[in-house]
Amino acid sequence: YLCKPEENIYNIDFIRFKIRDMETGTVLFEIAKPPNMEEDEEARDVDLSAGRFVRYQFTPAFLRLRTVGAT
């Protein structure tokens, strides 16, 4: 996500991302690529940069969490 798709010379593909409260295990945000994205005929017409941007909208309670983890 820190480079343009054409600069990804190692072909690294992030397929899932999750943010959670580490104290309770509550999942606060989770996003994943649809399964079989590469094999889908419609996927050929999809902008490869479209899924590279995520807008987070957390409530003020998020800032009160003591430990947040991302995987």
C-alpha atoms as a PDB file:
ATOM      1  CA  TYR A   1       0.000   0.000   0.000  1.00  0.00           C
ATOM      2  CA  LEU A   2       2.992   2.288   0.222  1.00  0.00           C
ATOM      3  CA  CYS A   3       3.807   1.988  -3.470  1.00  0.00           C
ATOM      4  CA  LYS A   4       2.017   2.047  -6.810  1.00  0.00           C
ATOM      5  CA  PRO A   5       0.736  -1.340  -8.059  1.00  0.00           C
ATOM      6  CA  GLU A   6       3.266  -1.356 -10.911  1.00  0.00           C
ATOM      7  CA  GLU A   7       6.115  -0.856  -8.393  1.00  0.00           C
ATOM      8  CA  ASN A   8       5.190  -4.032  -6.494  1.00  0.00           C
ATOM      9  CA  ILE A   9       8.058  -6.050  -7.978  1.00  0.00           C
ATOM     10  CA  TYR A  10       7.679  -8.855  -5.417  1.00  0.00           C
ATOM     11  CA  ASN A  11       3.957  -9.291  -6.185  1.00  0.00           C
ATOM     12  CA  ILE A  12       2.929  -8.893  -2.522  1.00  0.00           C
ATOM     13  CA  ASP A  13      -0.844  -9.111  -2.190  1.00  0.00           C
ATOM     14  CA  PHE A  14      -2.692  -8.038   0.970  1.00  0.00           C
ATOM     15  CA  ILE A  15      -5.902 -10.024   1.054  1.00  0.00           C
ATOM     16  CA  ARG A  16      -7.253  -9.283   4.545  1.00  0.00           C
ATOM     17  CA  PHE A  17      -6.910  -6.675   7.277  1.00  0.00           C
ATOM     18  CA  LYS A  18      -8.407  -6.540  10.770  1.00  0.00           C
ATOM     19  CA  ILE A  19      -8.266  -4.045  13.663  1.00  0.00           C
ATOM     20  CA  ARG A  20      -9.327  -5.221  17.125  1.00  0.00           C
ATOM     21  CA  ASP A  21      -9.409  -4.270  20.783  1.00  0.00           C
ATOM     22  CA  MET A  22      -6.708  -6.459  22.301  1.00  0.00           C
ATOM     23  CA  GLU A  23      -8.206  -6.406  25.794  1.00  0.00           C
ATOM     24  CA  THR A  24     -11.629  -7.752  24.806  1.00  0.00           C
ATOM     25  CA  GLY A  25     -10.877  -9.330  21.423  1.00  0.00           C
ATOM     26  CA  THR A  26     -13.637  -7.251  19.837  1.00  0.00           C
ATOM     27  CA  VAL A  27     -13.120  -6.801  16.094  1.00  0.00           C
ATOM     28  CA  LEU A  28     -13.485  -3.099  15.323  1.00  0.00           C
ATOM     29  CA  PHE A  29     -12.875  -3.228  11.586  1.00  0.00           C
ATOM     30  CA  GLU A  30     -12.293  -6.007   9.056  1.00  0.00           C
ATOM     31  CA  ILE A  31     -11.937  -5.963   5.292  1.00  0.00           C
ATOM     32  CA  ALA A  32     -11.012  -8.692   2.803  1.00  0.00           C
ATOM     33  CA  LYS A  33     -10.733  -9.166  -0.932  1.00  0.00           C
ATOM     34  CA  PRO A  34     -13.533 -11.204  -2.465  1.00  0.00           C
ATOM     35  CA  PRO A  35     -12.531 -14.855  -2.981  1.00  0.00           C
ATOM     36  CA  ASN A  36     -11.228 -15.872  -6.430  1.00  0.00           C
ATOM     37  CA  MET A  37     -10.731 -12.257  -7.479  1.00  0.00           C
ATOM     38  CA  GLU A  38      -8.052 -13.231 -10.019  1.00  0.00           C
ATOM     39  CA  GLU A  39     -10.154 -15.945 -11.636  1.00  0.00           C
ATOM     40  CA  ASP A  40     -13.308 -13.869 -12.014  1.00  0.00           C
ATOM     41  CA  GLU A  41     -13.860 -12.618 -15.576  1.00  0.00           C
ATOM     42  CA  GLU A  42     -15.381  -9.375 -14.293  1.00  0.00           C
ATOM     43  CA  ALA A  43     -12.230  -8.714 -12.253  1.00  0.00           C
ATOM     44  CA  ARG A  44     -10.307  -7.967 -15.455  1.00  0.00           C
ATOM     45  CA  ASP A  45     -12.229  -4.718 -15.845  1.00  0.00           C
ATOM     46  CA  VAL A  46     -11.726  -3.612 -12.223  1.00  0.00           C
ATOM     47  CA  ASP A  47      -9.378  -0.741 -11.361  1.00  0.00           C
ATOM     48  CA  LEU A  48      -6.510  -2.356  -9.432  1.00  0.00           C
ATOM     49  CA  SER A  49      -6.110   0.763  -7.272  1.00  0.00           C
ATOM     50  CA  ALA A  50      -9.782   0.809  -6.232  1.00  0.00           C
ATOM     51  CA  GLY A  51      -9.304  -1.390  -3.165  1.00  0.00           C
ATOM     52  CA  ARG A  52      -6.081   0.244  -2.009  1.00  0.00           C
ATOM     53  CA  PHE A  53      -7.777   2.972   0.001  1.00  0.00           C
ATOM     54  CA  VAL A  54      -9.784   2.541   3.181  1.00  0.00           C
ATOM     55  CA  ARG A  55     -11.572   5.283   5.087  1.00  0.00           C
ATOM     56  CA  TYR A  56     -11.850   4.630   8.803  1.00  0.00           C
ATOM     57  CA  GLN A  57     -14.671   6.224  10.765  1.00  0.00           C
ATOM     58  CA  PHE A  58     -14.318   5.308  14.416  1.00  0.00           C
ATOM     59  CA  THR A  59     -16.300   6.819  17.255  1.00  0.00           C
ATOM     60  CA  PRO A  60     -14.573   8.853  19.990  1.00  0.00           C
ATOM     61  CA  ALA A  61     -14.675   5.663  22.116  1.00  0.00           C
ATOM     62  CA  PHE A  62     -11.931   4.266  19.867  1.00  0.00           C
ATOM     63  CA  LEU A  63      -9.482   6.811  21.292  1.00  0.00           C
ATOM     64  CA  ARG A  64     -10.178   5.518  24.808  1.00  0.00           C
ATOM     65  CA  LEU A  65      -9.028   1.981  23.989  1.00  0.00           C
ATOM     66  CA  ARG A  66      -5.791   1.071  25.734  1.00  0.00           C
ATOM     67  CA  THR A  67      -4.456  -1.558  23.290  1.00  0.00           C
ATOM     68  CA  VAL A  68      -5.375  -1.916  19.623  1.00  0.00           C
ATOM     69  CA  GLY A  69      -3.987  -4.621  17.329  1.00  0.00           C
ATOM     70  CA  ALA A  70      -3.887  -5.052  13.576  1.00  0.00           C
ATOM     71  CA  THR A  71      -3.393  -8.263  11.611  1.00  0.00           C
END
